[in-house]
């Protein structure tokens, strides 16, 4: 077991951060991964981006239309209960259909989200 403290956290006790007018989030991070519960307003578009982190996205409510770039472009519509695994370095964007609540998980940790250098979301 690592030297990190074992902890139990309730999502509702975590500060709700307003990233921009269409996106709010709560973040939990461990030594090797980051998890975020994210709330998007209808029509919000996550711009095309990529990162060295593997990402798993689970849609809780609403729908997300994903576009994946790279050598083998794909489109995908995700709704409640759907999960997508996005490999590291795969360019992706998403448009929210209706209000969306989802959970994203990354490994390794999203240092840019933790230190506020995630400018692609902040405009």
PDB file of N, CA and C in Angstrom:
ATOM      1  N   UNK A   1       0.848  -1.189   0.000  1.00  0.00           N
ATOM      2  CA  UNK A   1       0.000   0.000   0.000  1.00  0.00           C
ATOM      3  C   UNK A   1       0.892   1.250   0.000  1.00  0.00           C
ATOM      4  N   UNK A   2       0.459   2.249  -0.765  1.00  0.00           N
ATOM      5  CA  UNK A   2       1.261   3.468  -0.856  1.00  0.00           C
ATOM      6  C   UNK A   2       1.188   4.250   0.453  1.00  0.00           C
ATOM      7  N   UNK A   3       1.991   5.289   0.529  1.00  0.00           N
ATOM      8  CA  UNK A   3       1.997   6.117   1.731  1.00  0.00           C
ATOM      9  C   UNK A   3       0.922   7.198   1.692  1.00  0.00           C
ATOM     10  N   UNK A   4       0.054   7.159   0.665  1.00  0.00           N
ATOM     11  CA  UNK A   4      -1.050   8.113   0.593  1.00  0.00           C
ATOM     12  C   UNK A   4      -2.118   7.709   1.603  1.00  0.00           C
ATOM     13  N   UNK A   5      -2.808   8.704   2.144  1.00  0.00           N
ATOM     14  CA  UNK A   5      -3.828   8.470   3.155  1.00  0.00           C
ATOM     15  C   UNK A   5      -5.084   7.881   2.533  1.00  0.00           C
ATOM     16  N   UNK A   6      -5.601   6.830   3.142  1.00  0.00           N
ATOM     17  CA  UNK A   6      -6.879   6.255   2.736  1.00  0.00           C
ATOM     18  C   UNK A   6      -7.980   7.245   3.101  1.00  0.00           C
ATOM     19  N   UNK A   7      -8.877   7.546   2.154  1.00  0.00           N
ATOM     20  CA  UNK A   7      -9.911   8.529   2.444  1.00  0.00           C
ATOM     21  C   UNK A   7     -11.212   8.190   1.749  1.00  0.00           C
ATOM     22  N   UNK A   8     -12.299   8.559   2.385  1.00  0.00           N
ATOM     23  CA  UNK A   8     -13.645   8.440   1.825  1.00  0.00           C
ATOM     24  C   UNK A   8     -14.158   9.853   1.624  1.00  0.00           C
ATOM     25  N   UNK A   9     -14.670  10.126   0.422  1.00  0.00           N
ATOM     26  CA  UNK A   9     -15.105  11.477   0.078  1.00  0.00           C
ATOM     27  C   UNK A   9     -16.495  11.394  -0.540  1.00  0.00           C
ATOM     28  N   UNK A  10     -17.371  12.331  -0.192  1.00  0.00           N
ATOM     29  CA  UNK A  10     -18.673  12.442  -0.840  1.00  0.00           C
ATOM     30  C   UNK A  10     -18.592  13.566  -1.868  1.00  0.00           C
ATOM     31  N   UNK A  11     -19.073  13.309  -3.099  1.00  0.00           N
ATOM     32  CA  UNK A  11     -19.004  14.320  -4.157  1.00  0.00           C
ATOM     33  C   UNK A  11     -19.563  15.664  -3.698  1.00  0.00           C
ATOM     34  N   UNK A  12     -20.634  15.647  -2.917  1.00  0.00           N
ATOM     35  CA  UNK A  12     -21.288  16.898  -2.511  1.00  0.00           C
ATOM     36  C   UNK A  12     -20.465  17.738  -1.546  1.00  0.00           C
ATOM     37  N   UNK A  13     -19.407  17.170  -0.984  1.00  0.00           N
ATOM     38  CA  UNK A  13     -18.552  17.928  -0.069  1.00  0.00           C
ATOM     39  C   UNK A  13     -17.380  18.587  -0.792  1.00  0.00           C
ATOM     40  N   UNK A  14     -17.227  18.295  -2.079  1.00  0.00           N
ATOM     41  CA  UNK A  14     -16.117  18.845  -2.859  1.00  0.00           C
ATOM     42  C   UNK A  14     -16.557  20.166  -3.477  1.00  0.00           C
ATOM     43  N   UNK A  15     -15.671  21.151  -3.438  1.00  0.00           N
ATOM     44  CA  UNK A  15     -15.978  22.467  -4.002  1.00  0.00           C
ATOM     45  C   UNK A  15     -16.359  22.346  -5.470  1.00  0.00           C
ATOM     46  N   UNK A  16     -17.458  23.016  -5.849  1.00  0.00           N
ATOM     47  CA  UNK A  16     -17.907  23.058  -7.241  1.00  0.00           C
ATOM     48  C   UNK A  16     -17.198  24.218  -7.921  1.00  0.00           C
ATOM     49  N   UNK A  17     -16.318  23.884  -8.862  1.00  0.00           N
ATOM     50  CA  UNK A  17     -15.532  24.896  -9.579  1.00  0.00           C
ATOM     51  C   UNK A  17     -16.243  25.282 -10.870  1.00  0.00           C
ATOM     52  N   UNK A  18     -16.393  26.582 -11.096  1.00  0.00           N
ATOM     53  CA  UNK A  18     -16.930  27.062 -12.367  1.00  0.00           C
ATOM     54  C   UNK A  18     -15.742  27.324 -13.289  1.00  0.00           C
ATOM     55  N   UNK A  19     -15.637  26.523 -14.352  1.00  0.00           N
ATOM     56  CA  UNK A  19     -14.521  26.623 -15.292  1.00  0.00           C
ATOM     57  C   UNK A  19     -14.804  27.711 -16.319  1.00  0.00           C
ATOM     58  N   UNK A  20     -16.040  27.760 -16.795  1.00  0.00           N
ATOM     59  CA  UNK A  20     -16.507  28.772 -17.738  1.00  0.00           C
ATOM     60  C   UNK A  20     -18.031  28.804 -17.629  1.00  0.00           C
ATOM     61  N   UNK A  21     -18.695  29.608 -18.442  1.00  0.00           N
ATOM     62  CA  UNK A  21     -20.141  29.785 -18.276  1.00  0.00           C
ATOM     63  C   UNK A  21     -20.946  28.523 -18.566  1.00  0.00           C
ATOM     64  N   UNK A  22     -20.352  27.542 -19.246  1.00  0.00           N
ATOM     65  CA  UNK A  22     -21.087  26.320 -19.586  1.00  0.00           C
ATOM     66  C   UNK A  22     -20.608  25.071 -18.886  1.00  0.00           C
ATOM     67  N   UNK A  23     -19.632  25.194 -17.973  1.00  0.00           N
ATOM     68  CA  UNK A  23     -19.023  24.004 -17.379  1.00  0.00           C
ATOM     69  C   UNK A  23     -18.659  24.225 -15.916  1.00  0.00           C
ATOM     70  N   UNK A  24     -19.085  23.283 -15.082  1.00  0.00           N
ATOM     71  CA  UNK A  24     -18.668  23.245 -13.680  1.00  0.00           C
ATOM     72  C   UNK A  24     -18.161  21.835 -13.389  1.00  0.00           C
ATOM     73  N   UNK A  25     -17.296  21.722 -12.366  1.00  0.00           N
ATOM     74  CA  UNK A  25     -16.742  20.400 -12.065  1.00  0.00           C
ATOM     75  C   UNK A  25     -16.332  20.285 -10.607  1.00  0.00           C
ATOM     76  N   UNK A  26     -16.259  19.033 -10.172  1.00  0.00           N
ATOM     77  CA  UNK A  26     -15.686  18.663  -8.878  1.00  0.00           C
ATOM     78  C   UNK A  26     -14.575  17.667  -9.185  1.00  0.00           C
ATOM     79  N   UNK A  27     -13.427  17.810  -8.536  1.00  0.00           N
ATOM     80  CA  UNK A  27     -12.259  16.977  -8.842  1.00  0.00           C
ATOM     81  C   UNK A  27     -11.781  16.241  -7.596  1.00  0.00           C
ATOM     82  N   UNK A  28     -11.497  14.958  -7.774  1.00  0.00           N
ATOM     83  CA  UNK A  28     -10.830  14.144  -6.756  1.00  0.00           C
ATOM     84  C   UNK A  28      -9.578  13.603  -7.414  1.00  0.00           C
ATOM     85  N   UNK A  29      -8.461  13.678  -6.715  1.00  0.00           N
ATOM     86  CA  UNK A  29      -7.233  13.157  -7.297  1.00  0.00           C
ATOM     87  C   UNK A  29      -6.501  12.281  -6.297  1.00  0.00           C
ATOM     88  N   UNK A  30      -5.885  11.251  -6.838  1.00  0.00           N
ATOM     89  CA  UNK A  30      -5.045  10.376  -6.042  1.00  0.00           C
ATOM     90  C   UNK A  30      -3.609  10.537  -6.494  1.00  0.00           C
ATOM     91  N   UNK A  31      -2.791   9.607  -6.120  1.00  0.00           N
ATOM     92  CA  UNK A  31      -1.378   9.665  -6.481  1.00  0.00           C
ATOM     93  C   UNK A  31      -1.175   9.454  -7.979  1.00  0.00           C
ATOM     94  N   UNK A  32      -2.003   8.594  -8.615  1.00  0.00           N
ATOM     95  CA  UNK A  32      -1.770   8.218 -10.008  1.00  0.00           C
ATOM     96  C   UNK A  32      -2.925   8.506 -10.945  1.00  0.00           C
ATOM     97  N   UNK A  33      -4.071   8.943 -10.422  1.00  0.00           N
ATOM     98  CA  UNK A  33      -5.191   9.224 -11.315  1.00  0.00           C
ATOM     99  C   UNK A  33      -6.049  10.366 -10.785  1.00  0.00           C
ATOM    100  N   UNK A  34      -6.850  10.930 -11.700  1.00  0.00           N
ATOM    101  CA  UNK A  34      -7.776  12.005 -11.383  1.00  0.00           C
ATOM    102  C   UNK A  34      -9.166  11.580 -11.825  1.00  0.00           C
ATOM    103  N   UNK A  35     -10.167  11.924 -11.017  1.00  0.00           N
ATOM    104  CA  UNK A  35     -11.572  11.685 -11.342  1.00  0.00           C
ATOM    105  C   UNK A  35     -12.292  13.018 -11.206  1.00  0.00           C
ATOM    106  N   UNK A  36     -13.178  13.311 -12.152  1.00  0.00           N
ATOM    107  CA  UNK A  36     -13.949  14.551 -12.079  1.00  0.00           C
ATOM    108  C   UNK A  36     -15.412  14.270 -12.378  1.00  0.00           C
ATOM    109  N   UNK A  37     -16.281  14.902 -11.616  1.00  0.00           N
ATOM    110  CA  UNK A  37     -17.714  14.900 -11.912  1.00  0.00           C
ATOM    111  C   UNK A  37     -17.985  16.245 -12.552  1.00  0.00           C
ATOM    112  N   UNK A  38     -18.515  16.216 -13.786  1.00  0.00           N
ATOM    113  CA  UNK A  38     -18.604  17.427 -14.600  1.00  0.00           C
ATOM    114  C   UNK A  38     -20.055  17.683 -14.987  1.00  0.00           C
ATOM    115  N   UNK A  39     -20.427  18.968 -14.959  1.00  0.00           N
ATOM    116  CA  UNK A  39     -21.779  19.407 -15.275  1.00  0.00           C
ATOM    117  C   UNK A  39     -21.682  20.407 -16.429  1.00  0.00           C
ATOM    118  N   UNK A  40     -22.328  20.075 -17.568  1.00  0.00           N
ATOM    119  CA  UNK A  40     -22.298  20.937 -18.748  1.00  0.00           C
ATOM    120  C   UNK A  40     -23.686  21.480 -19.042  1.00  0.00           C
ATOM    121  N   UNK A  41     -23.746  22.738 -19.487  1.00  0.00           N
ATOM    122  CA  UNK A  41     -24.996  23.305 -19.975  1.00  0.00           C
ATOM    123  C   UNK A  41     -25.254  22.796 -21.383  1.00  0.00           C
ATOM    124  N   UNK A  42     -26.528  22.785 -21.768  1.00  0.00           N
ATOM    125  CA  UNK A  42     -26.922  22.337 -23.109  1.00  0.00           C
ATOM    126  C   UNK A  42     -26.157  23.116 -24.172  1.00  0.00           C
ATOM    127  N   UNK A  43     -25.665  22.399 -25.171  1.00  0.00           N
ATOM    128  CA  UNK A  43     -24.966  23.022 -26.283  1.00  0.00           C
ATOM    129  C   UNK A  43     -23.489  23.278 -26.052  1.00  0.00           C
ATOM    130  N   UNK A  44     -22.998  23.047 -24.829  1.00  0.00           N
ATOM    131  CA  UNK A  44     -21.574  23.295 -24.573  1.00  0.00           C
ATOM    132  C   UNK A  44     -20.724  22.391 -25.456  1.00  0.00           C
ATOM    133  N   UNK A  45     -19.642  22.947 -25.968  1.00  0.00           N
ATOM    134  CA  UNK A  45     -18.737  22.172 -26.822  1.00  0.00           C
ATOM    135  C   UNK A  45     -17.352  22.122 -26.180  1.00  0.00           C
ATOM    136  N   UNK A  46     -16.902  20.922 -25.877  1.00  0.00           N
ATOM    137  CA  UNK A  46     -15.520  20.723 -25.422  1.00  0.00           C
ATOM    138  C   UNK A  46     -14.674  20.756 -26.688  1.00  0.00           C
ATOM    139  N   UNK A  47     -13.744  21.715 -26.812  1.00  0.00           N
ATOM    140  CA  UNK A  47     -12.973  21.842 -28.054  1.00  0.00           C
ATOM    141  C   UNK A  47     -12.066  20.643 -28.303  1.00  0.00           C
ATOM    142  N   UNK A  48     -11.721  20.457 -29.574  1.00  0.00           N
ATOM    143  CA  UNK A  48     -10.801  19.373 -29.951  1.00  0.00           C
ATOM    144  C   UNK A  48      -9.504  19.542 -29.176  1.00  0.00           C
ATOM    145  N   UNK A  49      -9.058  18.479 -28.551  1.00  0.00           N
ATOM    146  CA  UNK A  49      -7.807  18.504 -27.781  1.00  0.00           C
ATOM    147  C   UNK A  49      -7.316  17.068 -27.630  1.00  0.00           C
ATOM    148  N   UNK A  50      -6.115  16.917 -27.161  1.00  0.00           N
ATOM    149  CA  UNK A  50      -5.586  15.595 -26.824  1.00  0.00           C
ATOM    150  C   UNK A  50      -4.631  15.769 -25.654  1.00  0.00           C
ATOM    151  N   UNK A  51      -4.313  14.667 -25.011  1.00  0.00           N
ATOM    152  CA  UNK A  51      -3.422  14.700 -23.853  1.00  0.00           C
ATOM    153  C   UNK A  51      -2.761  13.341 -23.689  1.00  0.00           C
ATOM    154  N   UNK A  52      -1.726  13.301 -22.880  1.00  0.00           N
ATOM    155  CA  UNK A  52      -0.971  12.064 -22.678  1.00  0.00           C
ATOM    156  C   UNK A  52      -1.679  11.114 -21.717  1.00  0.00           C
ATOM    157  N   UNK A  53      -2.830  11.547 -21.178  1.00  0.00           N
ATOM    158  CA  UNK A  53      -3.565  10.736 -20.216  1.00  0.00           C
ATOM    159  C   UNK A  53      -4.561   9.820 -20.930  1.00  0.00           C
ATOM    160  N   UNK A  54      -4.657   8.572 -20.496  1.00  0.00           N
ATOM    161  CA  UNK A  54      -5.766   7.727 -20.902  1.00  0.00           C
ATOM    162  C   UNK A  54      -7.007   8.269 -20.196  1.00  0.00           C
ATOM    163  N   UNK A  55      -8.158   8.264 -20.867  1.00  0.00           N
ATOM    164  CA  UNK A  55      -9.386   8.841 -20.301  1.00  0.00           C
ATOM    165  C   UNK A  55     -10.530   7.852 -20.429  1.00  0.00           C
ATOM    166  N   UNK A  56     -11.334   7.761 -19.375  1.00  0.00           N
ATOM    167  CA  UNK A  56     -12.581   7.008 -19.423  1.00  0.00           C
ATOM    168  C   UNK A  56     -13.692   7.976 -19.053  1.00  0.00           C
ATOM    169  N   UNK A  57     -14.699   8.093 -19.926  1.00  0.00           N
ATOM    170  CA  UNK A  57     -15.825   8.995 -19.705  1.00  0.00           C
ATOM    171  C   UNK A  57     -17.094   8.180 -19.549  1.00  0.00           C
ATOM    172  N   UNK A  58     -17.867   8.475 -18.497  1.00  0.00           N
ATOM    173  CA  UNK A  58     -19.148   7.825 -18.242  1.00  0.00           C
ATOM    174  C   UNK A  58     -20.218   8.911 -18.201  1.00  0.00           C
ATOM    175  N   UNK A  59     -21.220   8.809 -19.068  1.00  0.00           N
ATOM    176  CA  UNK A  59     -22.311   9.775 -19.094  1.00  0.00           C
ATOM    177  C   UNK A  59     -23.377   9.339 -18.082  1.00  0.00           C
ATOM    178  N   UNK A  60     -23.742  10.258 -17.186  1.00  0.00           N
ATOM    179  CA  UNK A  60     -24.771   9.981 -16.182  1.00  0.00           C
ATOM    180  C   UNK A  60     -26.140  10.473 -16.642  1.00  0.00           C
ATOM    181  N   UNK A  61     -26.184  11.659 -17.275  1.00  0.00           N
ATOM    182  CA  UNK A  61     -27.444  12.187 -17.798  1.00  0.00           C
ATOM    183  C   UNK A  61     -27.152  13.081 -18.994  1.00  0.00           C
ATOM    184  N   UNK A  62     -28.148  13.201 -19.876  1.00  0.00           N
ATOM    185  CA  UNK A  62     -27.971  13.950 -21.114  1.00  0.00           C
ATOM    186  C   UNK A  62     -27.266  13.095 -22.152  1.00  0.00           C
ATOM    187  N   UNK A  63     -26.849  13.735 -23.236  1.00  0.00           N
ATOM    188  CA  UNK A  63     -26.133  13.030 -24.296  1.00  0.00           C
ATOM    189  C   UNK A  63     -24.917  13.840 -24.721  1.00  0.00           C
ATOM    190  N   UNK A  64     -23.887  13.127 -25.144  1.00  0.00           N
ATOM    191  CA  UNK A  64     -22.669  13.766 -25.646  1.00  0.00           C
ATOM    192  C   UNK A  64     -22.342  13.200 -27.016  1.00  0.00           C
ATOM    193  N   UNK A  65     -22.163  14.099 -27.988  1.00  0.00           N
ATOM    194  CA  UNK A  65     -21.743  13.699 -29.327  1.00  0.00           C
ATOM    195  C   UNK A  65     -20.231  13.900 -29.418  1.00  0.00           C
ATOM    196  N   UNK A  66     -19.499  12.797 -29.465  1.00  0.00           N
ATOM    197  CA  UNK A  66     -18.038  12.849 -29.536  1.00  0.00           C
ATOM    198  C   UNK A  66     -17.564  12.756 -30.977  1.00  0.00           C
ATOM    199  N   UNK A  67     -16.496  13.487 -31.281  1.00  0.00           N
ATOM    200  CA  UNK A  67     -15.765  13.356 -32.532  1.00  0.00           C
ATOM    201  C   UNK A  67     -14.328  13.053 -32.153  1.00  0.00           C
ATOM    202  N   UNK A  68     -13.803  11.959 -32.699  1.00  0.00           N
ATOM    203  CA  UNK A  68     -12.435  11.540 -32.438  1.00  0.00           C
ATOM    204  C   UNK A  68     -11.638  11.717 -33.718  1.00  0.00           C
ATOM    205  N   UNK A  69     -10.478  12.393 -33.608  1.00  0.00           N
ATOM    206  CA  UNK A  69      -9.643  12.639 -34.767  1.00  0.00           C
ATOM    207  C   UNK A  69      -8.521  11.633 -34.857  1.00  0.00           C
ATOM    208  N   UNK A  70      -7.480  12.027 -35.572  1.00  0.00           N
ATOM    209  CA  UNK A  70      -6.339  11.140 -35.730  1.00  0.00           C
ATOM    210  C   UNK A  70      -6.425  10.342 -37.021  1.00  0.00           C
ATOM    211  N   UNK A  71      -5.705   9.240 -37.088  1.00  0.00           N
ATOM    212  CA  UNK A  71      -5.610   8.440 -38.315  1.00  0.00           C
ATOM    213  C   UNK A  71      -6.911   7.717 -38.651  1.00  0.00           C
ATOM    214  N   UNK A  72      -7.746   7.463 -37.661  1.00  0.00           N
ATOM    215  CA  UNK A  72      -8.996   6.726 -37.876  1.00  0.00           C
ATOM    216  C   UNK A  72     -10.152   7.496 -37.245  1.00  0.00           C
ATOM    217  N   UNK A  73     -10.601   8.609 -37.891  1.00  0.00           N
ATOM    218  CA  UNK A  73     -11.636   9.453 -37.280  1.00  0.00           C
ATOM    219  C   UNK A  73     -12.944   8.690 -37.066  1.00  0.00           C
ATOM    220  N   UNK A  74     -13.617   9.015 -35.962  1.00  0.00           N
ATOM    221  CA  UNK A  74     -14.888   8.371 -35.630  1.00  0.00           C
ATOM    222  C   UNK A  74     -15.793   9.385 -34.943  1.00  0.00           C
ATOM    223  N   UNK A  75     -17.103   9.130 -35.018  1.00  0.00           N
ATOM    224  CA  UNK A  75     -18.093   9.882 -34.262  1.00  0.00           C
ATOM    225  C   UNK A  75     -18.839   8.898 -33.387  1.00  0.00           C
ATOM    226  N   UNK A  76     -19.313   9.372 -32.230  1.00  0.00           N
ATOM    227  CA  UNK A  76     -19.981   8.490 -31.291  1.00  0.00           C
ATOM    228  C   UNK A  76     -20.967   9.319 -30.466  1.00  0.00           C
ATOM    229  N   UNK A  77     -22.189   8.802 -30.287  1.00  0.00           N
ATOM    230  CA  UNK A  77     -23.177   9.447 -29.426  1.00  0.00           C
ATOM    231  C   UNK A  77     -23.278   8.619 -28.150  1.00  0.00           C
ATOM    232  N   UNK A  78     -23.082   9.274 -27.001  1.00  0.00           N
ATOM    233  CA  UNK A  78     -23.170   8.592 -25.718  1.00  0.00           C
ATOM    234  C   UNK A  78     -24.332   9.157 -24.913  1.00  0.00           C
ATOM    235  N   UNK A  79     -25.067   8.272 -24.262  1.00  0.00           N
ATOM    236  CA  UNK A  79     -26.169   8.664 -23.401  1.00  0.00           C
ATOM    237  C   UNK A  79     -25.981   8.071 -22.017  1.00  0.00           C
ATOM    238  N   UNK A  80     -26.975   8.233 -21.150  1.00  0.00           N
ATOM    239  CA  UNK A  80     -26.872   7.742 -19.773  1.00  0.00           C
ATOM    240  C   UNK A  80     -26.485   6.260 -19.713  1.00  0.00           C
ATOM    241  N   UNK A  81     -25.447   5.979 -18.930  1.00  0.00           N
ATOM    242  CA  UNK A  81     -24.957   4.620 -18.780  1.00  0.00           C
ATOM    243  C   UNK A  81     -23.863   4.233 -19.756  1.00  0.00           C
ATOM    244  N   UNK A  82     -23.654   5.052 -20.798  1.00  0.00           N
ATOM    245  CA  UNK A  82     -22.607   4.745 -21.775  1.00  0.00           C
ATOM    246  C   UNK A  82     -21.237   5.180 -21.262  1.00  0.00           C
ATOM    247  N   UNK A  83     -20.238   4.395 -21.610  1.00  0.00           N
ATOM    248  CA  UNK A  83     -18.848   4.646 -21.214  1.00  0.00           C
ATOM    249  C   UNK A  83     -17.976   4.540 -22.451  1.00  0.00           C
ATOM    250  N   UNK A  84     -17.005   5.444 -22.584  1.00  0.00           N
ATOM    251  CA  UNK A  84     -16.037   5.362 -23.675  1.00  0.00           C
ATOM    252  C   UNK A  84     -14.634   5.419 -23.077  1.00  0.00           C
ATOM    253  N   UNK A  85     -13.739   4.586 -23.626  1.00  0.00           N
ATOM    254  CA  UNK A  85     -12.331   4.588 -23.240  1.00  0.00           C
ATOM    255  C   UNK A  85     -11.573   5.299 -24.351  1.00  0.00           C
ATOM    256  N   UNK A  86     -10.899   6.399 -24.000  1.00  0.00           N
ATOM    257  CA  UNK A  86     -10.165   7.200 -24.979  1.00  0.00           C
ATOM    258  C   UNK A  86      -8.673   7.000 -24.721  1.00  0.00           C
ATOM    259  N   UNK A  87      -7.975   6.345 -25.643  1.00  0.00           N
ATOM    260  CA  UNK A  87      -6.539   6.131 -25.445  1.00  0.00           C
ATOM    261  C   UNK A  87      -5.771   7.454 -25.393  1.00  0.00           C
ATOM    262  N   UNK A  88      -4.615   7.430 -24.786  1.00  0.00           N
ATOM    263  CA  UNK A  88      -3.743   8.603 -24.721  1.00  0.00           C
ATOM    264  C   UNK A  88      -3.457   9.117 -26.128  1.00  0.00           C
ATOM    265  N   UNK A  89      -3.349  10.432 -26.253  1.00  0.00           N
ATOM    266  CA  UNK A  89      -2.964  11.139 -27.479  1.00  0.00           C
ATOM    267  C   UNK A  89      -4.007  11.126 -28.592  1.00  0.00           C
ATOM    268  N   UNK A  90      -5.212  10.580 -28.361  1.00  0.00           N
ATOM    269  CA  UNK A  90      -6.260  10.599 -29.389  1.00  0.00           C
ATOM    270  C   UNK A  90      -7.003  11.937 -29.310  1.00  0.00           C
ATOM    271  N   UNK A  91      -6.975  12.741 -30.399  1.00  0.00           N
ATOM    272  CA  UNK A  91      -7.703  14.011 -30.385  1.00  0.00           C
ATOM    273  C   UNK A  91      -9.204  13.738 -30.255  1.00  0.00           C
ATOM    274  N   UNK A  92      -9.885  14.560 -29.429  1.00  0.00           N
ATOM    275  CA  UNK A  92     -11.320  14.377 -29.240  1.00  0.00           C
ATOM    276  C   UNK A  92     -11.991  15.687 -28.876  1.00  0.00           C
ATOM    277  N   UNK A  93     -13.270  15.780 -29.238  1.00  0.00           N
ATOM    278  CA  UNK A  93     -14.115  16.898 -28.864  1.00  0.00           C
ATOM    279  C   UNK A  93     -15.494  16.338 -28.574  1.00  0.00           C
ATOM    280  N   UNK A  94     -16.316  17.109 -27.862  1.00  0.00           N
ATOM    281  CA  UNK A  94     -17.660  16.649 -27.543  1.00  0.00           C
ATOM    282  C   UNK A  94     -18.615  17.822 -27.513  1.00  0.00           C
ATOM    283  N   UNK A  95     -19.828  17.591 -28.000  1.00  0.00           N
ATOM    284  CA  UNK A  95     -20.900  18.565 -27.934  1.00  0.00           C
ATOM    285  C   UNK A  95     -21.998  17.994 -27.050  1.00  0.00           C
ATOM    286  N   UNK A  96     -22.478  18.810 -26.106  1.00  0.00           N
ATOM    287  CA  UNK A  96     -23.495  18.357 -25.154  1.00  0.00           C
ATOM    288  C   UNK A  96     -24.884  18.572 -25.730  1.00  0.00           C
ATOM    289  N   UNK A  97     -25.671  17.500 -25.741  1.00  0.00           N
ATOM    290  CA  UNK A  97     -27.053  17.545 -26.200  1.00  0.00           C
ATOM    291  C   UNK A  97     -27.908  17.557 -24.937  1.00  0.00           C
ATOM    292  N   UNK A  98     -28.506  18.695 -24.639  1.00  0.00           N
ATOM    293  CA  UNK A  98     -29.193  18.863 -23.375  1.00  0.00           C
ATOM    294  C   UNK A  98     -28.167  19.094 -22.275  1.00  0.00           C
ATOM    295  N   UNK A  99     -28.656  19.275 -21.050  1.00  0.00           N
ATOM    296  CA  UNK A  99     -27.728  19.396 -19.926  1.00  0.00           C
ATOM    297  C   UNK A  99     -27.106  18.024 -19.688  1.00  0.00           C
ATOM    298  N   UNK A 100     -25.805  18.013 -19.398  1.00  0.00           N
ATOM    299  CA  UNK A 100     -25.071  16.759 -19.245  1.00  0.00           C
ATOM    300  C   UNK A 100     -24.386  16.713 -17.889  1.00  0.00           C
ATOM    301  N   UNK A 101     -24.467  15.552 -17.255  1.00  0.00           N
ATOM    302  CA  UNK A 101     -23.655  15.253 -16.082  1.00  0.00           C
ATOM    303  C   UNK A 101     -22.868  14.005 -16.427  1.00  0.00           C
ATOM    304  N   UNK A 102     -21.570  14.054 -16.197  1.00  0.00           N
ATOM    305  CA  UNK A 102     -20.722  12.901 -16.526  1.00  0.00           C
ATOM    306  C   UNK A 102     -19.552  12.812 -15.581  1.00  0.00           C
ATOM    307  N   UNK A 103     -18.899  11.670 -15.607  1.00  0.00           N
ATOM    308  CA  UNK A 103     -17.701  11.438 -14.796  1.00  0.00           C
ATOM    309  C   UNK A 103     -16.558  11.081 -15.734  1.00  0.00           C
ATOM    310  N   UNK A 104     -15.436  11.786 -15.595  1.00  0.00           N
ATOM    311  CA  UNK A 104     -14.220  11.487 -16.346  1.00  0.00           C
ATOM    312  C   UNK A 104     -13.160  10.984 -15.385  1.00  0.00           C
ATOM    313  N   UNK A 105     -12.381  10.008 -15.859  1.00  0.00           N
ATOM    314  CA  UNK A 105     -11.257   9.459 -15.091  1.00  0.00           C
ATOM    315  C   UNK A 105     -10.037   9.459 -16.000  1.00  0.00           C
ATOM    316  N   UNK A 106      -8.895   9.828 -15.439  1.00  0.00           N
ATOM    317  CA  UNK A 106      -7.654   9.858 -16.215  1.00  0.00           C
ATOM    318  C   UNK A 106      -6.511   9.217 -15.437  1.00  0.00           C
ATOM    319  N   UNK A 107      -5.639   8.580 -16.193  1.00  0.00           N
ATOM    320  CA  UNK A 107      -4.361   8.116 -15.649  1.00  0.00           C
ATOM    321  C   UNK A 107      -3.305   8.397 -16.717  1.00  0.00           C
ATOM    322  N   UNK A 108      -2.179   8.994 -16.337  1.00  0.00           N
ATOM    323  CA  UNK A 108      -1.898   9.540 -15.012  1.00  0.00           C
ATOM    324  C   UNK A 108      -2.779  10.756 -14.700  1.00  0.00           C
ATOM    325  N   UNK A 109      -2.541  11.350 -13.535  1.00  0.00           N
ATOM    326  CA  UNK A 109      -3.316  12.496 -13.066  1.00  0.00           C
ATOM    327  C   UNK A 109      -3.341  13.628 -14.085  1.00  0.00           C
ATOM    328  N   UNK A 110      -4.425  14.417 -14.068  1.00  0.00           N
ATOM    329  CA  UNK A 110      -4.538  15.596 -14.925  1.00  0.00           C
ATOM    330  C   UNK A 110      -3.902  16.781 -14.222  1.00  0.00           C
ATOM    331  N   UNK A 111      -2.592  16.889 -14.328  1.00  0.00           N
ATOM    332  CA  UNK A 111      -1.873  17.981 -13.656  1.00  0.00           C
ATOM    333  C   UNK A 111      -2.352  19.344 -14.146  1.00  0.00           C
ATOM    334  N   UNK A 112      -2.735  19.460 -15.449  1.00  0.00           N
ATOM    335  CA  UNK A 112      -3.207  20.748 -15.970  1.00  0.00           C
ATOM    336  C   UNK A 112      -4.528  21.162 -15.315  1.00  0.00           C
ATOM    337  N   UNK A 113      -5.372  20.204 -14.955  1.00  0.00           N
ATOM    338  CA  UNK A 113      -6.620  20.522 -14.259  1.00  0.00           C
ATOM    339  C   UNK A 113      -6.346  20.887 -12.811  1.00  0.00           C
ATOM    340  N   UNK A 114      -5.318  20.318 -12.242  1.00  0.00           N
ATOM    341  CA  UNK A 114      -5.008  20.575 -10.835  1.00  0.00           C
ATOM    342  C   UNK A 114      -4.294  21.904 -10.639  1.00  0.00           C
ATOM    343  N   UNK A 115      -3.486  22.312 -11.628  1.00  0.00           N
ATOM    344  CA  UNK A 115      -2.734  23.567 -11.465  1.00  0.00           C
ATOM    345  C   UNK A 115      -3.338  24.742 -12.243  1.00  0.00           C
ATOM    346  N   UNK A 116      -4.491  24.509 -12.917  1.00  0.00           N
ATOM    347  CA  UNK A 116      -5.192  25.601 -13.597  1.00  0.00           C
ATOM    348  C   UNK A 116      -4.641  25.979 -14.956  1.00  0.00           C
ATOM    349  N   UNK A 117      -3.819  25.114 -15.570  1.00  0.00           N
ATOM    350  CA  UNK A 117      -3.259  25.430 -16.884  1.00  0.00           C
ATOM    351  C   UNK A 117      -4.066  24.800 -18.023  1.00  0.00           C
ATOM    352  N   UNK A 118      -5.315  24.437 -17.763  1.00  0.00           N
ATOM    353  CA  UNK A 118      -6.195  23.833 -18.778  1.00  0.00           C
ATOM    354  C   UNK A 118      -6.883  24.933 -19.593  1.00  0.00           C
ATOM    355  N   UNK A 119      -6.072  25.750 -20.283  1.00  0.00           N
ATOM    356  CA  UNK A 119      -6.549  26.931 -20.994  1.00  0.00           C
ATOM    357  C   UNK A 119      -7.539  26.579 -22.113  1.00  0.00           C
ATOM    358  N   UNK A 120      -7.456  25.383 -22.688  1.00  0.00           N
ATOM    359  CA  UNK A 120      -8.367  25.011 -23.774  1.00  0.00           C
ATOM    360  C   UNK A 120      -9.825  25.013 -23.305  1.00  0.00           C
ATOM    361  N   UNK A 121     -10.062  24.903 -21.996  1.00  0.00           N
ATOM    362  CA  UNK A 121     -11.417  24.946 -21.443  1.00  0.00           C
ATOM    363  C   UNK A 121     -11.789  26.325 -20.915  1.00  0.00           C
ATOM    364  N   UNK A 122     -10.810  27.107 -20.559  1.00  0.00           N
ATOM    365  CA  UNK A 122     -11.077  28.384 -19.908  1.00  0.00           C
ATOM    366  C   UNK A 122     -11.261  29.529 -20.893  1.00  0.00           C
ATOM    367  N   UNK A 123     -11.005  29.265 -22.181  1.00  0.00           N
ATOM    368  CA  UNK A 123     -11.204  30.311 -23.187  1.00  0.00           C
ATOM    369  C   UNK A 123     -10.071  31.264 -23.162  1.00  0.00           C
TER     370      UNK A 123
END
